[in-house]
């Protein structure tokens, strides 16, 4: 059975779609997937053993996105089933243009107009559950058991226990805890773990700040990989960590896919919707404030108290509760 999957754009969202993909693979026979999405999402998921093709959707760069979407659809051809995890008109058009009969996406004005199966999904539930309900809309005997996250990139094997530090969050500065506090936590565990600093190309400066703070704290057993890894290497390195300390971010969900013990620091985002899914050793550190979750990229009140109030000591105590 040929199934087209339109992946979410963000790395973390794409990883949160993996339980729905695993359920599709288990409920249909002889499944072959084609993944279409952003560069980061396709790079993370293209290693799935049932993936035939992984195609980066660059239609928004075209002079006419509508024409480019039509051309991409004709290149893809018809499928037995198509599922979109993106709630966007061009994704609905892409599914429709392929000529696929069974097309599933979240209910919206454009999906209702163009597609065959458009369930109305409650947003006040975990995003994994939302994606699963889209994918399973045509399965009448679904028992609502949702598996953990799953990536097929082989985790790296480190010689020593390794602590991963991820201070970045692509969505915006409001989600980011402070580099000097990440460094304080890492320095506390320097005798127990080697340390890796993670970050994307736009987070190199922040990672360098952590590096400078670690150096000032006389920590030497660290490596700064910010901006130096592709998606495969990022996932492999995170998967090999013994402990991960992170903001709410894509790498946080990668850690969950590998069941890496994790302390996740939340501020302006809805932790009930985007926390680690079914990670057996995961603790959230957050403060309950009247203004959170605001879901803003930058603090609209200019005080950032949801993150500023979280101390390094709180995070250290959370690590201790994990009983690693």
Protein backbone atom coordinates (compact mmCIF):
# COMPACT_ATOMS: atom_id res chain seq x y z
CA UNK A 1 0.00 0.00 0.00
CA UNK A 2 1.48 3.33 -1.10
CA UNK A 3 0.98 6.11 1.48
CA UNK A 4 1.95 9.75 1.00
CA UNK A 5 2.84 11.63 4.19
CA UNK A 6 3.10 15.42 4.29
CA UNK A 7 5.37 16.00 7.27
CA UNK A 8 5.30 18.97 9.65
CA UNK A 9 7.93 21.62 8.96
CA UNK A 10 9.67 21.69 12.37
CA UNK A 11 12.03 18.95 13.52
CA UNK A 12 10.23 18.38 16.83
CA UNK A 13 6.80 18.26 15.20
CA UNK A 14 8.08 15.77 12.61
CA UNK A 15 9.40 13.52 15.38
CA UNK A 16 6.05 13.81 17.17
CA UNK A 17 4.38 12.51 13.99
CA UNK A 18 6.36 9.24 14.14
CA UNK A 19 3.86 7.35 16.37
CA UNK A 20 1.13 8.05 13.80
CA UNK A 21 3.44 6.82 11.03
CA UNK A 22 4.21 3.64 12.98
CA UNK A 23 0.49 3.04 13.46
CA UNK A 24 -0.13 3.40 9.73
CA UNK A 25 2.63 0.87 9.09
CA UNK A 26 1.06 -1.60 11.52
CA UNK A 27 -2.57 -1.23 10.41
CA UNK A 28 -2.04 -1.58 6.66
CA UNK A 29 -0.30 -4.32 4.69
CA UNK A 30 2.86 -3.95 2.60
CA UNK A 31 3.16 -0.25 3.35
CA UNK A 32 5.55 1.95 1.36
CA UNK A 33 5.88 5.56 2.46
CA UNK A 34 6.71 8.69 0.51
CA UNK A 35 7.61 11.59 2.82
CA UNK A 36 7.29 15.19 1.65
CA UNK A 37 8.30 18.07 3.88
CA UNK A 38 10.96 20.55 4.92
CA UNK A 39 14.65 19.68 4.72
CA UNK A 40 14.94 19.00 8.45
CA UNK A 41 11.81 16.84 8.68
CA UNK A 42 12.65 14.68 5.67
CA UNK A 43 16.28 14.32 6.78
CA UNK A 44 15.18 13.01 10.18
CA UNK A 45 12.55 10.56 8.91
CA UNK A 46 13.95 9.31 5.60
CA UNK A 47 15.75 6.43 7.34
CA UNK A 48 12.45 4.70 8.10
CA UNK A 49 12.76 1.16 6.65
CA UNK A 50 9.44 1.55 4.81
CA UNK A 51 10.36 4.90 3.23
CA UNK A 52 10.66 4.70 -0.56
CA UNK A 53 11.13 8.39 -1.22
CA UNK A 54 11.79 11.52 0.83
CA UNK A 55 11.22 14.77 -1.05
CA UNK A 56 11.93 18.31 0.14
CA UNK A 57 9.00 20.61 -0.60
CA UNK A 58 10.50 23.78 -2.08
CA UNK A 59 7.29 25.01 -3.71
CA UNK A 60 7.16 28.18 -1.60
CA UNK A 61 10.34 29.36 -3.34
CA UNK A 62 8.72 29.16 -6.78
CA UNK A 63 7.35 32.25 -8.60
CA UNK A 64 3.92 30.60 -8.43
CA UNK A 65 3.49 28.25 -5.51
CA UNK A 66 0.20 26.99 -6.92
CA UNK A 67 1.82 25.93 -10.19
CA UNK A 68 4.81 24.42 -8.36
CA UNK A 69 2.46 22.46 -6.07
CA UNK A 70 0.60 21.08 -9.09
CA UNK A 71 3.86 20.03 -10.75
CA UNK A 72 5.08 18.35 -7.55
CA UNK A 73 1.78 16.46 -7.24
CA UNK A 74 2.06 15.16 -10.80
CA UNK A 75 5.66 14.12 -10.14
CA UNK A 76 4.52 12.21 -7.05
CA UNK A 77 1.59 10.49 -8.76
CA UNK A 78 -1.40 8.79 -7.20
CA UNK A 79 -1.31 6.93 -3.87
CA UNK A 80 -3.59 4.49 -2.10
CA UNK A 81 -3.78 6.96 0.79
CA UNK A 82 -2.42 10.41 1.62
CA UNK A 83 -2.07 12.06 5.03
CA UNK A 84 -1.12 15.66 5.76
CA UNK A 85 0.15 16.67 9.19
CA UNK A 86 0.32 20.29 8.03
CA UNK A 87 -2.78 22.46 8.26
CA UNK A 88 -2.01 24.57 5.22
CA UNK A 89 -3.86 25.18 1.97
CA UNK A 90 -0.99 24.18 -0.30
CA UNK A 91 -0.71 20.86 1.53
CA UNK A 92 -4.40 20.20 0.90
CA UNK A 93 -3.94 21.18 -2.74
CA UNK A 94 -0.93 18.88 -3.07
CA UNK A 95 -2.95 15.91 -1.84
CA UNK A 96 -5.87 16.76 -4.13
CA UNK A 97 -3.66 17.28 -7.18
CA UNK A 98 -2.12 13.80 -6.81
CA UNK A 99 -5.52 12.30 -7.62
CA UNK A 100 -5.47 10.20 -4.45
CA UNK A 101 -8.98 9.30 -3.33
CA UNK A 102 -8.42 8.74 0.42
CA UNK A 103 -6.87 11.95 1.74
CA UNK A 104 -6.72 12.77 5.46
CA UNK A 105 -5.97 16.10 7.16
CA UNK A 106 -7.13 18.20 10.08
CA UNK A 107 -10.48 19.92 9.49
CA UNK A 108 -10.18 23.38 7.95
CA UNK A 109 -12.06 25.28 5.26
CA UNK A 110 -9.64 24.15 2.57
CA UNK A 111 -9.31 20.51 3.69
CA UNK A 112 -13.10 20.13 3.88
CA UNK A 113 -13.38 21.53 0.37
CA UNK A 114 -10.60 19.42 -1.16
CA UNK A 115 -10.12 16.19 0.81
CA UNK A 116 -12.09 13.09 1.76
CA UNK A 117 -11.37 12.67 5.50
CA UNK A 118 -11.12 15.80 7.64
CA UNK A 119 -11.59 15.05 11.35
CA UNK A 120 -12.09 17.92 13.76
CA UNK A 121 -9.18 17.63 16.21
CA UNK A 122 -9.13 19.13 19.69
CA UNK A 123 -6.00 21.22 20.18
CA UNK A 124 -5.90 20.94 23.99
CA UNK A 125 -4.26 17.50 23.84
CA UNK A 126 -0.77 16.33 23.09
CA UNK A 127 0.34 16.93 19.51
CA UNK A 128 1.20 13.23 19.17
CA UNK A 129 -2.44 12.40 19.88
CA UNK A 130 -3.62 15.02 17.40
CA UNK A 131 -1.46 13.58 14.63
CA UNK A 132 -2.58 10.05 15.49
CA UNK A 133 -6.25 10.97 15.20
CA UNK A 134 -5.65 12.33 11.71
CA UNK A 135 -3.81 9.20 10.57
CA UNK A 136 -6.24 6.75 12.16
CA UNK A 137 -9.48 8.40 11.00
CA UNK A 138 -10.18 5.56 8.58
CA UNK A 139 -9.34 2.73 11.05
CA UNK A 140 -12.52 1.53 12.77
CA UNK A 141 -10.84 -0.92 15.17
CA UNK A 142 -8.16 1.48 16.46
CA UNK A 143 -7.75 0.87 20.21
CA UNK A 144 -6.21 4.33 20.82
CA UNK A 145 -2.92 2.85 22.05
CA UNK A 146 -0.26 5.24 20.80
CA UNK A 147 3.37 4.05 20.69
CA UNK A 148 6.45 6.06 21.71
CA UNK A 149 8.37 8.30 19.32
CA UNK A 150 10.63 6.46 16.88
CA UNK A 151 13.69 7.38 14.83
CA UNK A 152 15.74 4.93 12.78
CA UNK A 153 19.07 6.75 12.88
CA UNK A 154 21.60 4.62 14.80
CA UNK A 155 22.62 6.34 18.06
CA UNK A 156 26.29 7.06 18.59
CA UNK A 157 28.19 5.06 21.18
CA UNK A 158 30.33 7.23 23.44
CA UNK A 159 33.26 5.92 25.45
CA UNK A 160 32.05 7.71 28.61
CA UNK A 161 28.65 8.77 29.98
CA UNK A 162 27.74 11.95 28.14
CA UNK A 163 25.61 14.95 29.09
CA UNK A 164 23.96 16.80 26.22
CA UNK A 165 23.18 20.50 26.62
CA UNK A 166 20.72 22.16 24.23
CA UNK A 167 20.20 25.86 24.93
CA UNK A 168 18.59 26.70 21.61
CA UNK A 169 14.98 26.75 20.45
CA UNK A 170 14.33 27.68 16.84
CA UNK A 171 10.83 29.04 17.54
CA UNK A 172 12.10 32.11 19.42
CA UNK A 173 14.00 33.63 22.32
CA UNK A 174 11.10 33.30 24.78
CA UNK A 175 11.63 29.51 24.90
CA UNK A 176 15.31 29.79 25.78
CA UNK A 177 16.79 29.42 29.22
CA UNK A 178 20.10 31.17 29.84
CA UNK A 179 23.55 30.01 28.63
CA UNK A 180 25.28 30.78 31.92
CA UNK A 181 22.76 28.64 33.82
CA UNK A 182 23.16 25.73 31.41
CA UNK A 183 26.89 26.05 32.02
CA UNK A 184 26.40 25.99 35.80
CA UNK A 185 24.40 22.77 35.58
CA UNK A 186 26.92 21.17 33.25
CA UNK A 187 29.81 22.19 35.50
CA UNK A 188 28.08 20.54 38.46
CA UNK A 189 28.12 17.20 36.61
CA UNK A 190 31.54 17.52 34.93
CA UNK A 191 33.07 14.73 37.04
CA UNK A 192 30.28 12.33 36.13
CA UNK A 193 29.77 13.13 32.44
CA UNK A 194 31.59 14.37 29.41
CA UNK A 195 29.64 17.32 28.00
CA UNK A 196 28.38 18.08 24.49
CA UNK A 197 26.91 21.46 23.58
CA UNK A 198 24.28 21.19 20.83
CA UNK A 199 22.84 23.89 18.62
CA UNK A 200 21.82 24.75 15.09
CA UNK A 201 23.53 27.14 12.66
CA UNK A 202 21.69 30.11 14.20
CA UNK A 203 22.63 29.12 17.75
CA UNK A 204 26.42 29.13 17.42
CA UNK A 205 26.78 32.37 19.37
CA UNK A 206 24.68 31.05 22.25
CA UNK A 207 26.67 27.80 22.33
CA UNK A 208 29.91 29.82 22.38
CA UNK A 209 28.58 31.66 25.42
CA UNK A 210 28.05 28.32 27.19
CA UNK A 211 31.55 27.29 26.14
CA UNK A 212 33.04 30.50 27.57
CA UNK A 213 31.15 30.03 30.82
CA UNK A 214 32.36 26.43 31.13
CA UNK A 215 35.93 27.55 30.54
CA UNK A 216 35.55 30.20 33.25
CA UNK A 217 34.28 27.46 35.58
CA UNK A 218 37.44 25.41 34.81
CA UNK A 219 35.54 22.70 32.92
CA UNK A 220 37.62 21.05 30.19
CA UNK A 221 35.79 17.85 29.22
CA UNK A 222 33.30 19.41 26.80
CA UNK A 223 32.79 19.56 23.06
CA UNK A 224 30.85 22.25 21.20
CA UNK A 225 28.98 20.78 18.20
CA UNK A 226 26.71 23.79 17.56
CA UNK A 227 26.45 24.42 13.84
CA UNK A 228 28.74 21.48 13.07
CA UNK A 229 26.27 18.61 12.61
CA UNK A 230 23.76 17.67 9.96
CA UNK A 231 20.38 16.25 11.01
CA UNK A 232 21.59 12.64 10.98
CA UNK A 233 24.64 13.48 13.11
CA UNK A 234 22.54 15.59 15.48
CA UNK A 235 20.11 12.72 16.10
CA UNK A 236 22.89 10.14 16.44
CA UNK A 237 24.79 12.23 18.97
CA UNK A 238 21.68 13.03 21.02
CA UNK A 239 20.68 9.36 20.92
CA UNK A 240 24.02 8.40 22.45
CA UNK A 241 23.72 10.75 25.44
CA UNK A 242 23.22 9.44 28.97
CA UNK A 243 21.48 12.64 30.07
CA UNK A 244 19.97 15.56 28.17
CA UNK A 245 19.14 19.04 29.48
CA UNK A 246 17.18 21.17 27.07
CA UNK A 247 14.62 23.84 26.32
CA UNK A 248 11.34 22.90 24.63
CA UNK A 249 12.77 22.24 21.17
CA UNK A 250 13.22 19.78 18.34
CA UNK A 251 16.28 18.15 19.96
CA UNK A 252 14.14 17.57 23.09
CA UNK A 253 11.84 15.33 21.04
CA UNK A 254 14.81 13.61 19.42
CA UNK A 255 16.02 12.72 22.93
CA UNK A 256 12.57 11.32 23.73
CA UNK A 257 12.69 9.13 20.62
CA UNK A 258 15.85 7.51 22.04
CA UNK A 259 14.52 7.37 25.61
CA UNK A 260 17.39 9.54 26.84
CA UNK A 261 16.82 10.69 30.45
CA UNK A 262 15.86 14.34 30.05
CA UNK A 263 15.23 17.49 32.04
CA UNK A 264 13.14 19.83 29.86
CA UNK A 265 12.82 23.51 30.76
CA UNK A 266 9.49 25.07 29.76
CA UNK A 267 8.43 28.71 29.85
CA UNK A 268 5.98 30.21 27.34
CA UNK A 269 4.79 27.02 25.64
CA UNK A 270 2.02 24.53 26.44
CA UNK A 271 3.84 21.66 28.12
CA UNK A 272 0.77 19.41 28.03
CA UNK A 273 0.78 19.59 24.23
CA UNK A 274 4.50 19.49 23.39
CA UNK A 275 6.27 17.77 26.28
CA UNK A 276 8.29 14.62 25.67
CA UNK A 277 5.98 11.79 24.64
CA UNK A 278 6.32 8.57 26.65
CA UNK A 279 9.93 9.09 27.69
CA UNK A 280 10.25 6.89 30.77
CA UNK A 281 12.74 9.26 32.41
CA UNK A 282 11.65 12.80 31.74
CA UNK A 283 11.09 15.72 34.10
CA UNK A 284 9.70 19.15 33.25
CA UNK A 285 10.97 22.22 35.11
CA UNK A 286 8.60 25.17 34.84
CA UNK A 287 6.98 27.92 36.92
CA UNK A 288 3.24 28.55 36.95
CA UNK A 289 2.67 32.21 36.09
CA UNK A 290 -0.44 34.19 35.21
CA UNK A 291 1.10 35.20 31.89
CA UNK A 292 2.18 31.74 30.77
CA UNK A 293 1.82 29.95 28.48
CA UNK A 294 1.72 32.99 26.21
CA UNK A 295 2.97 31.08 23.14
CA UNK A 296 4.91 34.12 21.95
CA UNK A 297 8.30 34.03 20.23
CA UNK A 298 9.52 36.89 22.45
CA UNK A 299 8.28 37.86 25.90
CA UNK A 300 5.46 40.37 25.27
CA UNK A 301 5.85 41.81 28.80
CA UNK A 302 9.63 42.20 28.41
CA UNK A 303 10.43 40.51 31.75
CA UNK A 304 10.80 36.81 30.72
CA UNK A 305 9.94 35.73 34.27
CA UNK A 306 8.81 32.26 33.13
CA UNK A 307 12.47 31.47 32.36
CA UNK A 308 14.30 34.02 34.49
CA UNK A 309 12.84 32.56 37.68
CA UNK A 310 14.19 29.05 37.01
CA UNK A 311 17.53 28.58 38.73
CA UNK A 312 20.42 26.24 37.99
CA UNK A 313 19.80 24.63 41.40
CA UNK A 314 16.25 23.68 40.38
CA UNK A 315 17.51 21.95 37.27
CA UNK A 316 20.24 20.15 39.21
CA UNK A 317 17.64 18.89 41.68
CA UNK A 318 15.46 17.71 38.78
CA UNK A 319 18.38 15.67 37.43
CA UNK A 320 18.76 14.03 40.82
CA UNK A 321 15.09 12.98 40.75
CA UNK A 322 15.68 11.06 37.53
CA UNK A 323 17.75 8.51 39.52
CA UNK A 324 20.02 7.76 36.59
